[in-house]
Amino acid sequence: MTRMSALLRVGNKYEWAERLDQYRADLPHGYDFALSQILGLYGGMGSLTDIVLYCDGHPLIDENNEFAELRTRLYELCMRH
């Protein structure tokens, strides 16, 4: 989640980065609640799955590929719980 937050910041998605940082910080204090919050990021329009990282109007290809892999891994980890 730390790397996902960093990538979001590179792509100027600060709100999303802060949300992930908050949920990561919440994990030790309320694991089930934090997991439900994280999984909630994956549903509907405007969700975590819709994010495309850009800089100066150009898509960040490598960063988007890495972010997509991390996003999938995070979802899979949360679903195993």
N, C-alpha and C. Protein backbone atom coordinates (compact mmCIF):
# COMPACT_ATOMS: atom_id res chain seq x y z
N MET A 1 0.82 -1.19 0.00
CA MET A 1 0.00 0.00 0.00
C MET A 1 0.86 1.26 0.00
N THR A 2 2.03 1.16 0.61
CA THR A 2 2.93 2.31 0.63
C THR A 2 3.37 2.67 -0.79
N ARG A 3 3.72 1.66 -1.56
CA ARG A 3 4.13 1.92 -2.95
C ARG A 3 2.96 2.43 -3.78
N MET A 4 1.78 1.90 -3.56
CA MET A 4 0.60 2.38 -4.27
C MET A 4 0.39 3.86 -3.98
N SER A 5 0.52 4.25 -2.73
CA SER A 5 0.37 5.66 -2.35
C SER A 5 1.40 6.53 -3.05
N ALA A 6 2.63 6.04 -3.10
CA ALA A 6 3.69 6.81 -3.77
C ALA A 6 3.38 6.98 -5.25
N LEU A 7 2.92 5.93 -5.90
CA LEU A 7 2.56 6.03 -7.31
C LEU A 7 1.40 6.99 -7.53
N LEU A 8 0.43 6.94 -6.64
CA LEU A 8 -0.70 7.87 -6.74
C LEU A 8 -0.23 9.32 -6.64
N ARG A 9 0.72 9.57 -5.79
CA ARG A 9 1.24 10.93 -5.66
C ARG A 9 1.99 11.36 -6.92
N VAL A 10 2.72 10.44 -7.53
CA VAL A 10 3.41 10.75 -8.79
C VAL A 10 2.40 11.17 -9.84
N GLY A 11 1.23 10.52 -9.83
CA GLY A 11 0.18 10.83 -10.79
C GLY A 11 -0.79 11.89 -10.31
N ASN A 12 -0.41 12.63 -9.26
CA ASN A 12 -1.23 13.73 -8.72
C ASN A 12 -2.60 13.29 -8.21
N LYS A 13 -2.67 12.09 -7.67
CA LYS A 13 -3.91 11.57 -7.09
C LYS A 13 -3.77 11.58 -5.57
N TYR A 14 -3.61 12.78 -5.03
CA TYR A 14 -3.28 12.94 -3.62
C TYR A 14 -4.40 12.46 -2.69
N GLU A 15 -5.65 12.69 -3.06
CA GLU A 15 -6.76 12.24 -2.22
C GLU A 15 -6.76 10.72 -2.08
N TRP A 16 -6.54 10.05 -3.19
CA TRP A 16 -6.49 8.59 -3.16
C TRP A 16 -5.30 8.12 -2.33
N ALA A 17 -4.17 8.76 -2.47
CA ALA A 17 -2.97 8.39 -1.71
C ALA A 17 -3.22 8.55 -0.21
N GLU A 18 -3.85 9.64 0.17
CA GLU A 18 -4.13 9.88 1.59
C GLU A 18 -5.11 8.85 2.13
N ARG A 19 -6.08 8.47 1.32
CA ARG A 19 -7.05 7.46 1.75
C ARG A 19 -6.36 6.12 1.98
N LEU A 20 -5.50 5.71 1.05
CA LEU A 20 -4.77 4.46 1.23
C LEU A 20 -3.86 4.53 2.46
N ASP A 21 -3.20 5.65 2.65
CA ASP A 21 -2.34 5.82 3.83
C ASP A 21 -3.15 5.67 5.11
N GLN A 22 -4.34 6.25 5.13
CA GLN A 22 -5.18 6.16 6.32
C GLN A 22 -5.62 4.72 6.59
N TYR A 23 -6.05 4.02 5.57
CA TYR A 23 -6.48 2.63 5.74
C TYR A 23 -5.32 1.75 6.17
N ARG A 24 -4.14 2.00 5.64
CA ARG A 24 -2.95 1.25 6.05
C ARG A 24 -2.66 1.50 7.52
N ALA A 25 -2.78 2.74 7.95
CA ALA A 25 -2.54 3.08 9.35
C ALA A 25 -3.61 2.46 10.26
N ASP A 26 -4.82 2.28 9.74
CA ASP A 26 -5.92 1.71 10.53
C ASP A 26 -5.80 0.20 10.71
N LEU A 27 -5.07 -0.48 9.85
CA LEU A 27 -5.01 -1.94 9.89
C LEU A 27 -4.67 -2.52 11.27
N PRO A 28 -3.65 -2.04 11.96
CA PRO A 28 -3.34 -2.63 13.26
C PRO A 28 -4.41 -2.39 14.33
N HIS A 29 -5.24 -1.40 14.14
CA HIS A 29 -6.21 -1.01 15.17
C HIS A 29 -7.60 -1.58 14.92
N GLY A 30 -7.92 -1.89 13.70
CA GLY A 30 -9.23 -2.42 13.36
C GLY A 30 -9.15 -3.15 12.03
N TYR A 31 -8.55 -4.32 12.07
CA TYR A 31 -8.22 -5.06 10.86
C TYR A 31 -9.44 -5.29 9.97
N ASP A 32 -10.52 -5.82 10.53
CA ASP A 32 -11.70 -6.12 9.73
C ASP A 32 -12.31 -4.86 9.13
N PHE A 33 -12.37 -3.81 9.92
CA PHE A 33 -12.92 -2.55 9.42
C PHE A 33 -12.05 -1.99 8.30
N ALA A 34 -10.75 -2.00 8.50
CA ALA A 34 -9.84 -1.48 7.47
C ALA A 34 -9.94 -2.30 6.19
N LEU A 35 -10.05 -3.62 6.31
CA LEU A 35 -10.21 -4.46 5.12
C LEU A 35 -11.49 -4.12 4.38
N SER A 36 -12.57 -3.91 5.11
CA SER A 36 -13.83 -3.56 4.43
C SER A 36 -13.72 -2.21 3.74
N GLN A 37 -13.01 -1.28 4.35
CA GLN A 37 -12.79 0.03 3.73
C GLN A 37 -11.96 -0.11 2.44
N ILE A 38 -10.92 -0.91 2.51
CA ILE A 38 -10.07 -1.12 1.33
C ILE A 38 -10.87 -1.76 0.21
N LEU A 39 -11.61 -2.81 0.53
CA LEU A 39 -12.41 -3.49 -0.50
C LEU A 39 -13.47 -2.57 -1.08
N GLY A 40 -13.95 -1.63 -0.29
CA GLY A 40 -14.93 -0.66 -0.77
C GLY A 40 -14.38 0.26 -1.85
N LEU A 41 -13.06 0.38 -1.92
CA LEU A 41 -12.43 1.22 -2.94
C LEU A 41 -12.54 0.62 -4.33
N TYR A 42 -12.88 -0.65 -4.41
CA TYR A 42 -12.87 -1.36 -5.68
C TYR A 42 -14.21 -1.37 -6.40
N GLY A 43 -15.27 -0.85 -5.82
CA GLY A 43 -16.57 -0.97 -6.46
C GLY A 43 -17.09 0.31 -7.06
N GLY A 44 -17.84 0.17 -8.15
CA GLY A 44 -18.55 1.29 -8.74
C GLY A 44 -17.70 2.20 -9.60
N MET A 45 -18.39 3.21 -10.14
CA MET A 45 -17.71 4.20 -10.98
C MET A 45 -16.82 5.09 -10.11
N GLY A 46 -15.72 5.51 -10.67
CA GLY A 46 -14.81 6.37 -9.92
C GLY A 46 -14.07 5.63 -8.83
N SER A 47 -13.90 4.34 -9.01
CA SER A 47 -13.25 3.52 -7.99
C SER A 47 -11.74 3.42 -8.24
N LEU A 48 -11.10 2.72 -7.36
CA LEU A 48 -9.65 2.52 -7.47
C LEU A 48 -9.29 1.85 -8.80
N THR A 49 -10.18 1.04 -9.32
CA THR A 49 -9.90 0.34 -10.58
C THR A 49 -9.97 1.26 -11.79
N ASP A 50 -10.53 2.44 -11.63
CA ASP A 50 -10.65 3.40 -12.74
C ASP A 50 -9.47 4.36 -12.85
N ILE A 51 -8.58 4.32 -11.90
CA ILE A 51 -7.49 5.31 -11.85
C ILE A 51 -6.48 5.07 -12.96
N VAL A 52 -6.15 6.15 -13.66
CA VAL A 52 -5.06 6.17 -14.63
C VAL A 52 -4.15 7.32 -14.22
N LEU A 53 -2.89 7.02 -14.07
CA LEU A 53 -1.92 8.02 -13.63
C LEU A 53 -1.39 8.81 -14.82
N TYR A 54 -1.41 10.13 -14.68
CA TYR A 54 -0.94 11.05 -15.71
C TYR A 54 0.03 12.05 -15.10
N CYS A 55 0.90 12.57 -15.92
CA CYS A 55 1.75 13.69 -15.55
C CYS A 55 1.85 14.60 -16.77
N ASP A 56 1.49 15.85 -16.58
CA ASP A 56 1.51 16.83 -17.67
C ASP A 56 0.71 16.35 -18.89
N GLY A 57 -0.42 15.71 -18.62
CA GLY A 57 -1.31 15.27 -19.69
C GLY A 57 -0.90 13.99 -20.39
N HIS A 58 0.16 13.36 -19.93
CA HIS A 58 0.65 12.13 -20.56
C HIS A 58 0.51 10.96 -19.58
N PRO A 59 -0.04 9.84 -20.05
CA PRO A 59 -0.15 8.68 -19.16
C PRO A 59 1.23 8.14 -18.80
N LEU A 60 1.36 7.76 -17.56
CA LEU A 60 2.62 7.20 -17.05
C LEU A 60 2.56 5.68 -17.22
N ILE A 61 3.06 5.19 -18.32
CA ILE A 61 2.90 3.79 -18.70
C ILE A 61 3.47 2.84 -17.64
N ASP A 62 4.72 2.99 -17.30
CA ASP A 62 5.35 2.08 -16.33
C ASP A 62 4.67 2.16 -14.97
N GLU A 63 4.37 3.36 -14.53
CA GLU A 63 3.72 3.56 -13.24
C GLU A 63 2.31 2.96 -13.24
N ASN A 64 1.59 3.13 -14.34
CA ASN A 64 0.25 2.55 -14.43
C ASN A 64 0.30 1.03 -14.41
N ASN A 65 1.27 0.45 -15.09
CA ASN A 65 1.41 -1.00 -15.08
C ASN A 65 1.73 -1.52 -13.68
N GLU A 66 2.65 -0.85 -13.01
CA GLU A 66 2.99 -1.25 -11.64
C GLU A 66 1.80 -1.07 -10.72
N PHE A 67 1.11 0.05 -10.85
CA PHE A 67 -0.05 0.31 -10.00
C PHE A 67 -1.12 -0.76 -10.21
N ALA A 68 -1.36 -1.14 -11.45
CA ALA A 68 -2.36 -2.17 -11.75
C ALA A 68 -2.00 -3.50 -11.09
N GLU A 69 -0.73 -3.86 -11.13
CA GLU A 69 -0.29 -5.10 -10.48
C GLU A 69 -0.49 -5.04 -8.97
N LEU A 70 -0.10 -3.93 -8.37
CA LEU A 70 -0.26 -3.77 -6.93
C LEU A 70 -1.72 -3.73 -6.52
N ARG A 71 -2.54 -3.08 -7.31
CA ARG A 71 -3.98 -2.99 -7.04
C ARG A 71 -4.60 -4.39 -7.03
N THR A 72 -4.21 -5.21 -8.00
CA THR A 72 -4.71 -6.59 -8.06
C THR A 72 -4.23 -7.40 -6.87
N ARG A 73 -2.96 -7.27 -6.53
CA ARG A 73 -2.41 -8.01 -5.38
C ARG A 73 -3.09 -7.60 -4.08
N LEU A 74 -3.34 -6.32 -3.91
CA LEU A 74 -4.01 -5.86 -2.70
C LEU A 74 -5.41 -6.45 -2.60
N TYR A 75 -6.14 -6.43 -3.70
CA TYR A 75 -7.49 -7.00 -3.71
C TYR A 75 -7.45 -8.49 -3.35
N GLU A 76 -6.54 -9.22 -3.96
CA GLU A 76 -6.43 -10.65 -3.69
C GLU A 76 -6.10 -10.92 -2.23
N LEU A 77 -5.19 -10.13 -1.66
CA LEU A 77 -4.85 -10.30 -0.25
C LEU A 77 -6.04 -10.03 0.66
N CYS A 78 -6.78 -8.99 0.35
CA CYS A 78 -7.95 -8.66 1.17
C CYS A 78 -9.03 -9.74 1.06
N MET A 79 -9.18 -10.31 -0.10
CA MET A 79 -10.20 -11.34 -0.30
C MET A 79 -9.85 -12.65 0.39
N ARG A 80 -8.58 -12.88 0.66
CA ARG A 80 -8.16 -14.11 1.35
C ARG A 80 -8.52 -14.09 2.83
N HIS A 81 -8.76 -12.93 3.35
CA HIS A 81 -9.05 -12.81 4.79
C HIS A 81 -10.37 -13.44 5.14
